[in-house]
Amino acid sequence: FPASVFVVDEATGAEVHPQSAMAVVRHDGPLAGVVGGLGKKQESLGLNRATQSPRSIGSSMQPLAAYALGIAYGIINYSSLVPDTYVDEQAQWPVNYGPTAPTGGNVLVCDALAQSLNTVPAHIGETVGIQNMYNFLSGPLEISTLVGEGPVNDLGLSSLVLGGMTNGVTASELAAAYTMYG
């Protein structure tokens, strides 16, 4: 986009220039390229959004924690049936967004992944275990932004399965984590 592209913040009337980040990682692991901002480079060693700006990744976390370990531990495969129900009935959590409200029945893992359902990976994550998912993400997948201790941490299903992490993940770490599916 040219630097002249902007949106107007409705609350303040200020011009806001969109920014983005992208990381491309080869299937065997090495970083192939990054883009971390908009416009001409203005400074050396400036902020690179692809490598230095963690962002909330939402459902992109599902295949990394719940599904990957569910498969690795032999709990699920692509045609396993998993409950499309709330993990916490009283709180009615988690919810599926869009037209895919929890059915109360079972759904195929491949369909749950394709529809980005939240209920199914939450059930899988509960079975796999929070500490196992945390150890996998922060260990072999090298996601460095996870918070493992303290009063505000990522040791929960909403963080590790649904991507509602304390600090988020950088584009480069997310791309690198997905190389396991290479």
C-alpha atoms as a PDB file:
ATOM      1  CA  PHE A   1       0.000   0.000   0.000  1.00  0.00           C
ATOM      2  CA  PRO A   2       1.240   3.510  -0.614  1.00  0.00           C
ATOM      3  CA  ALA A   3       1.886   5.662   2.443  1.00  0.00           C
ATOM      4  CA  SER A   4      -1.093   7.779   1.421  1.00  0.00           C
ATOM      5  CA  VAL A   5      -3.472   4.948   2.372  1.00  0.00           C
ATOM      6  CA  PHE A   6      -5.139   5.533   5.703  1.00  0.00           C
ATOM      7  CA  VAL A   7      -8.388   5.109   7.583  1.00  0.00           C
ATOM      8  CA  VAL A   8     -10.005   7.674   9.825  1.00  0.00           C
ATOM      9  CA  ASP A   9     -10.500   6.799  13.478  1.00  0.00           C
ATOM     10  CA  GLU A  10     -14.189   7.545  14.046  1.00  0.00           C
ATOM     11  CA  ALA A  11     -13.653   8.407  17.712  1.00  0.00           C
ATOM     12  CA  THR A  12     -10.819  10.902  17.245  1.00  0.00           C
ATOM     13  CA  GLY A  13     -10.945  11.828  13.558  1.00  0.00           C
ATOM     14  CA  ALA A  14      -7.218  11.088  13.308  1.00  0.00           C
ATOM     15  CA  GLU A  15      -5.658   9.456  10.270  1.00  0.00           C
ATOM     16  CA  VAL A  16      -4.535   5.918  11.086  1.00  0.00           C
ATOM     17  CA  HIS A  17      -2.099   4.236   8.708  1.00  0.00           C
ATOM     18  CA  PRO A  18      -2.603   0.460   8.539  1.00  0.00           C
ATOM     19  CA  GLN A  19       0.292  -1.741   9.522  1.00  0.00           C
ATOM     20  CA  SER A  20       0.794  -5.435   9.036  1.00  0.00           C
ATOM     21  CA  ALA A  21       3.277  -8.213   9.490  1.00  0.00           C
ATOM     22  CA  MET A  22       4.107 -11.340   7.551  1.00  0.00           C
ATOM     23  CA  ALA A  23       6.696 -14.038   8.013  1.00  0.00           C
ATOM     24  CA  VAL A  24       7.477 -16.728   5.456  1.00  0.00           C
ATOM     25  CA  VAL A  25       9.185 -19.833   6.759  1.00  0.00           C
ATOM     26  CA  ARG A  26      10.444 -22.716   4.625  1.00  0.00           C
ATOM     27  CA  HIS A  27       8.878 -26.102   5.366  1.00  0.00           C
ATOM     28  CA  ASP A  28      12.168 -27.276   6.860  1.00  0.00           C
ATOM     29  CA  GLY A  29      12.339 -24.368   9.300  1.00  0.00           C
ATOM     30  CA  PRO A  30      14.540 -21.484   8.095  1.00  0.00           C
ATOM     31  CA  LEU A  31      13.038 -18.035   7.841  1.00  0.00           C
ATOM     32  CA  ALA A  32      12.655 -17.131   4.154  1.00  0.00           C
ATOM     33  CA  GLY A  33      11.437 -13.556   4.538  1.00  0.00           C
ATOM     34  CA  VAL A  34       9.634 -11.034   6.712  1.00  0.00           C
ATOM     35  CA  VAL A  35       7.649  -7.891   6.187  1.00  0.00           C
ATOM     36  CA  GLY A  36       7.016  -5.907   9.304  1.00  0.00           C
ATOM     37  CA  GLY A  37       5.540  -2.538   8.476  1.00  0.00           C
ATOM     38  CA  LEU A  38       4.208  -0.178   5.860  1.00  0.00           C
ATOM     39  CA  GLY A  39       6.155   2.291   3.810  1.00  0.00           C
ATOM     40  CA  LYS A  40       9.793   2.994   3.188  1.00  0.00           C
ATOM     41  CA  LYS A  41      12.227   1.970   5.890  1.00  0.00           C
ATOM     42  CA  GLN A  42      12.915   5.056   8.013  1.00  0.00           C
ATOM     43  CA  GLU A  43      15.527   3.763  10.435  1.00  0.00           C
ATOM     44  CA  SER A  44      17.926   0.915  11.076  1.00  0.00           C
ATOM     45  CA  LEU A  45      16.960  -1.488  13.810  1.00  0.00           C
ATOM     46  CA  GLY A  46      13.432  -0.030  13.968  1.00  0.00           C
ATOM     47  CA  LEU A  47      10.374  -1.978  15.026  1.00  0.00           C
ATOM     48  CA  ASN A  48       9.700  -5.009  12.858  1.00  0.00           C
ATOM     49  CA  ARG A  49       6.127  -6.149  13.459  1.00  0.00           C
ATOM     50  CA  ALA A  50       6.829  -9.635  12.089  1.00  0.00           C
ATOM     51  CA  THR A  51       9.492 -10.426  14.654  1.00  0.00           C
ATOM     52  CA  GLN A  52       8.907  -7.985  17.529  1.00  0.00           C
ATOM     53  CA  SER A  53       5.159  -7.367  17.870  1.00  0.00           C
ATOM     54  CA  PRO A  54       3.199 -10.206  19.416  1.00  0.00           C
ATOM     55  CA  ARG A  55      -0.481 -10.215  18.500  1.00  0.00           C
ATOM     56  CA  SER A  56      -3.476 -12.254  19.589  1.00  0.00           C
ATOM     57  CA  ILE A  57      -3.770 -15.215  17.241  1.00  0.00           C
ATOM     58  CA  GLY A  58      -7.185 -16.569  18.183  1.00  0.00           C
ATOM     59  CA  SER A  59      -8.136 -19.841  16.518  1.00  0.00           C
ATOM     60  CA  SER A  60      -4.733 -20.142  14.836  1.00  0.00           C
ATOM     61  CA  MET A  61      -3.660 -21.675  18.154  1.00  0.00           C
ATOM     62  CA  GLN A  62      -6.061 -24.642  17.882  1.00  0.00           C
ATOM     63  CA  PRO A  63      -3.938 -26.778  15.510  1.00  0.00           C
ATOM     64  CA  LEU A  64      -0.744 -26.013  17.440  1.00  0.00           C
ATOM     65  CA  ALA A  65      -1.787 -27.126  20.892  1.00  0.00           C
ATOM     66  CA  ALA A  66      -4.976 -29.155  21.111  1.00  0.00           C
ATOM     67  CA  TYR A  67      -5.099 -30.857  17.714  1.00  0.00           C
ATOM     68  CA  ALA A  68      -1.354 -31.555  17.407  1.00  0.00           C
ATOM     69  CA  LEU A  69      -1.072 -33.153  20.837  1.00  0.00           C
ATOM     70  CA  GLY A  70      -4.418 -34.926  20.502  1.00  0.00           C
ATOM     71  CA  ILE A  71      -3.057 -36.634  17.383  1.00  0.00           C
ATOM     72  CA  ALA A  72       0.394 -37.240  18.891  1.00  0.00           C
ATOM     73  CA  TYR A  73      -1.099 -38.849  22.013  1.00  0.00           C
ATOM     74  CA  GLY A  74      -3.465 -41.032  19.968  1.00  0.00           C
ATOM     75  CA  ILE A  75      -6.548 -39.350  21.432  1.00  0.00           C
ATOM     76  CA  ILE A  76      -7.947 -38.186  18.075  1.00  0.00           C
ATOM     77  CA  ASN A  77      -7.542 -38.561  14.355  1.00  0.00           C
ATOM     78  CA  TYR A  78      -9.227 -36.685  11.522  1.00  0.00           C
ATOM     79  CA  SER A  79     -12.368 -38.827  11.726  1.00  0.00           C
ATOM     80  CA  SER A  80     -12.753 -38.959  15.518  1.00  0.00           C
ATOM     81  CA  LEU A  81     -16.050 -37.796  16.962  1.00  0.00           C
ATOM     82  CA  VAL A  82     -15.674 -35.185  19.705  1.00  0.00           C
ATOM     83  CA  PRO A  83     -18.438 -33.428  21.675  1.00  0.00           C
ATOM     84  CA  ASP A  84     -19.612 -30.098  20.272  1.00  0.00           C
ATOM     85  CA  THR A  85     -20.695 -29.008  23.737  1.00  0.00           C
ATOM     86  CA  TYR A  86     -19.635 -26.486  26.337  1.00  0.00           C
ATOM     87  CA  VAL A  87     -16.666 -27.513  28.482  1.00  0.00           C
ATOM     88  CA  ASP A  88     -18.197 -25.424  31.275  1.00  0.00           C
ATOM     89  CA  GLU A  89     -21.977 -25.817  31.103  1.00  0.00           C
ATOM     90  CA  GLN A  90     -22.687 -23.278  33.838  1.00  0.00           C
ATOM     91  CA  ALA A  91     -20.646 -20.526  32.154  1.00  0.00           C
ATOM     92  CA  GLN A  92     -21.646 -21.764  28.689  1.00  0.00           C
ATOM     93  CA  TRP A  93     -18.020 -21.735  27.604  1.00  0.00           C
ATOM     94  CA  PRO A  94     -16.548 -21.842  25.053  1.00  0.00           C
ATOM     95  CA  VAL A  95     -18.886 -20.572  22.387  1.00  0.00           C
ATOM     96  CA  ASN A  96     -18.600 -21.095  18.660  1.00  0.00           C
ATOM     97  CA  TYR A  97     -18.895 -17.959  16.584  1.00  0.00           C
ATOM     98  CA  GLY A  98     -21.039 -17.415  13.542  1.00  0.00           C
ATOM     99  CA  PRO A  99     -23.755 -19.845  12.576  1.00  0.00           C
ATOM    100  CA  THR A 100     -22.063 -22.754  14.360  1.00  0.00           C
ATOM    101  CA  ALA A 101     -23.468 -22.654  17.899  1.00  0.00           C
ATOM    102  CA  PRO A 102     -22.745 -25.810  19.927  1.00  0.00           C
ATOM    103  CA  THR A 103     -24.983 -28.593  18.672  1.00  0.00           C
ATOM    104  CA  GLY A 104     -24.914 -30.677  21.835  1.00  0.00           C
ATOM    105  CA  GLY A 105     -23.904 -33.668  19.718  1.00  0.00           C
ATOM    106  CA  ASN A 106     -20.658 -34.952  18.330  1.00  0.00           C
ATOM    107  CA  VAL A 107     -18.714 -33.613  15.361  1.00  0.00           C
ATOM    108  CA  LEU A 108     -15.869 -35.002  13.284  1.00  0.00           C
ATOM    109  CA  VAL A 109     -12.474 -33.523  14.112  1.00  0.00           C
ATOM    110  CA  CYS A 110     -11.910 -32.640  10.441  1.00  0.00           C
ATOM    111  CA  ASP A 111     -15.202 -30.723  10.338  1.00  0.00           C
ATOM    112  CA  ALA A 112     -14.491 -28.963  13.643  1.00  0.00           C
ATOM    113  CA  LEU A 113     -11.116 -27.823  12.334  1.00  0.00           C
ATOM    114  CA  ALA A 114     -12.567 -26.697   8.997  1.00  0.00           C
ATOM    115  CA  GLN A 115     -15.287 -24.691  10.770  1.00  0.00           C
ATOM    116  CA  SER A 116     -12.894 -23.371  13.435  1.00  0.00           C
ATOM    117  CA  LEU A 117     -15.204 -24.549  16.214  1.00  0.00           C
ATOM    118  CA  ASN A 118     -14.046 -23.618  19.708  1.00  0.00           C
ATOM    119  CA  THR A 119     -15.844 -26.344  21.631  1.00  0.00           C
ATOM    120  CA  VAL A 120     -14.073 -29.323  20.078  1.00  0.00           C
ATOM    121  CA  PRO A 121     -10.445 -28.231  20.582  1.00  0.00           C
ATOM    122  CA  ALA A 122     -11.365 -27.118  24.116  1.00  0.00           C
ATOM    123  CA  HIS A 123     -12.509 -30.679  24.883  1.00  0.00           C
ATOM    124  CA  ILE A 124      -9.372 -32.082  23.257  1.00  0.00           C
ATOM    125  CA  GLY A 125      -7.177 -29.624  25.163  1.00  0.00           C
ATOM    126  CA  GLU A 126      -8.849 -30.564  28.427  1.00  0.00           C
ATOM    127  CA  THR A 127      -8.039 -34.221  27.731  1.00  0.00           C
ATOM    128  CA  VAL A 128      -4.462 -33.525  26.601  1.00  0.00           C
ATOM    129  CA  GLY A 129      -3.810 -31.354  29.645  1.00  0.00           C
ATOM    130  CA  ILE A 130      -2.939 -27.710  30.124  1.00  0.00           C
ATOM    131  CA  GLN A 131       0.622 -28.315  31.316  1.00  0.00           C
ATOM    132  CA  ASN A 132       1.323 -30.656  28.384  1.00  0.00           C
ATOM    133  CA  MET A 133       0.119 -28.033  25.899  1.00  0.00           C
ATOM    134  CA  TYR A 134       2.124 -25.296  27.622  1.00  0.00           C
ATOM    135  CA  ASN A 135       5.276 -27.433  27.626  1.00  0.00           C
ATOM    136  CA  PHE A 136       4.835 -28.311  23.932  1.00  0.00           C
ATOM    137  CA  LEU A 137       4.222 -24.717  22.836  1.00  0.00           C
ATOM    138  CA  SER A 138       7.037 -23.196  24.905  1.00  0.00           C
ATOM    139  CA  GLY A 139       9.439 -26.113  24.350  1.00  0.00           C
ATOM    140  CA  PRO A 140       9.614 -27.734  20.908  1.00  0.00           C
ATOM    141  CA  LEU A 141       7.552 -25.016  19.171  1.00  0.00           C
ATOM    142  CA  GLU A 142       9.606 -22.266  20.852  1.00  0.00           C
ATOM    143  CA  ILE A 143       6.768 -19.807  21.427  1.00  0.00           C
ATOM    144  CA  SER A 144       8.615 -17.412  23.706  1.00  0.00           C
ATOM    145  CA  THR A 145       5.767 -15.113  24.707  1.00  0.00           C
ATOM    146  CA  LEU A 146       3.796 -17.571  26.842  1.00  0.00           C
ATOM    147  CA  VAL A 147       3.434 -16.607  30.494  1.00  0.00           C
ATOM    148  CA  GLY A 148       3.773 -19.662  32.728  1.00  0.00           C
ATOM    149  CA  GLU A 149       3.512 -18.203  36.192  1.00  0.00           C
ATOM    150  CA  GLY A 150       2.143 -15.332  38.214  1.00  0.00           C
ATOM    151  CA  PRO A 151      -1.372 -14.052  38.762  1.00  0.00           C
ATOM    152  CA  VAL A 152      -1.860 -13.339  35.043  1.00  0.00           C
ATOM    153  CA  ASN A 153      -0.669 -16.303  32.986  1.00  0.00           C
ATOM    154  CA  ASP A 154      -1.441 -18.482  29.988  1.00  0.00           C
ATOM    155  CA  LEU A 155      -2.096 -21.708  31.890  1.00  0.00           C
ATOM    156  CA  GLY A 156      -5.685 -22.140  30.764  1.00  0.00           C
ATOM    157  CA  LEU A 157      -7.764 -23.476  27.912  1.00  0.00           C
ATOM    158  CA  SER A 158      -8.727 -20.014  26.689  1.00  0.00           C
ATOM    159  CA  SER A 159      -5.050 -19.109  26.247  1.00  0.00           C
ATOM    160  CA  LEU A 160      -3.586 -22.370  25.016  1.00  0.00           C
ATOM    161  CA  VAL A 161      -6.453 -23.591  22.829  1.00  0.00           C
ATOM    162  CA  LEU A 162      -8.338 -20.478  21.754  1.00  0.00           C
ATOM    163  CA  GLY A 163      -5.361 -18.117  21.499  1.00  0.00           C
ATOM    164  CA  GLY A 164      -6.423 -15.587  24.132  1.00  0.00           C
ATOM    165  CA  MET A 165      -2.870 -15.306  25.400  1.00  0.00           C
ATOM    166  CA  THR A 166      -1.493 -12.658  27.725  1.00  0.00           C
ATOM    167  CA  ASN A 167       1.048 -11.361  25.205  1.00  0.00           C
ATOM    168  CA  GLY A 168       0.141 -12.994  21.898  1.00  0.00           C
ATOM    169  CA  VAL A 169       2.604 -14.455  19.375  1.00  0.00           C
ATOM    170  CA  THR A 170       4.805 -12.855  16.736  1.00  0.00           C
ATOM    171  CA  ALA A 171       4.162 -13.638  13.084  1.00  0.00           C
ATOM    172  CA  SER A 172       7.603 -15.230  12.782  1.00  0.00           C
ATOM    173  CA  GLU A 173       7.077 -17.567  15.762  1.00  0.00           C
ATOM    174  CA  LEU A 174       3.606 -18.526  14.533  1.00  0.00           C
ATOM    175  CA  ALA A 175       4.895 -19.323  11.052  1.00  0.00           C
ATOM    176  CA  ALA A 176       7.771 -21.347  12.512  1.00  0.00           C
ATOM    177  CA  ALA A 177       5.401 -23.316  14.751  1.00  0.00           C
ATOM    178  CA  TYR A 178       3.308 -24.329  11.761  1.00  0.00           C
ATOM    179  CA  THR A 179       6.331 -25.894  10.037  1.00  0.00           C
ATOM    180  CA  MET A 180       5.617 -29.068  12.044  1.00  0.00           C
ATOM    181  CA  TYR A 181       2.849 -29.690   9.496  1.00  0.00           C
ATOM    182  CA  GLY A 182       5.422 -29.130   6.710  1.00  0.00           C
END
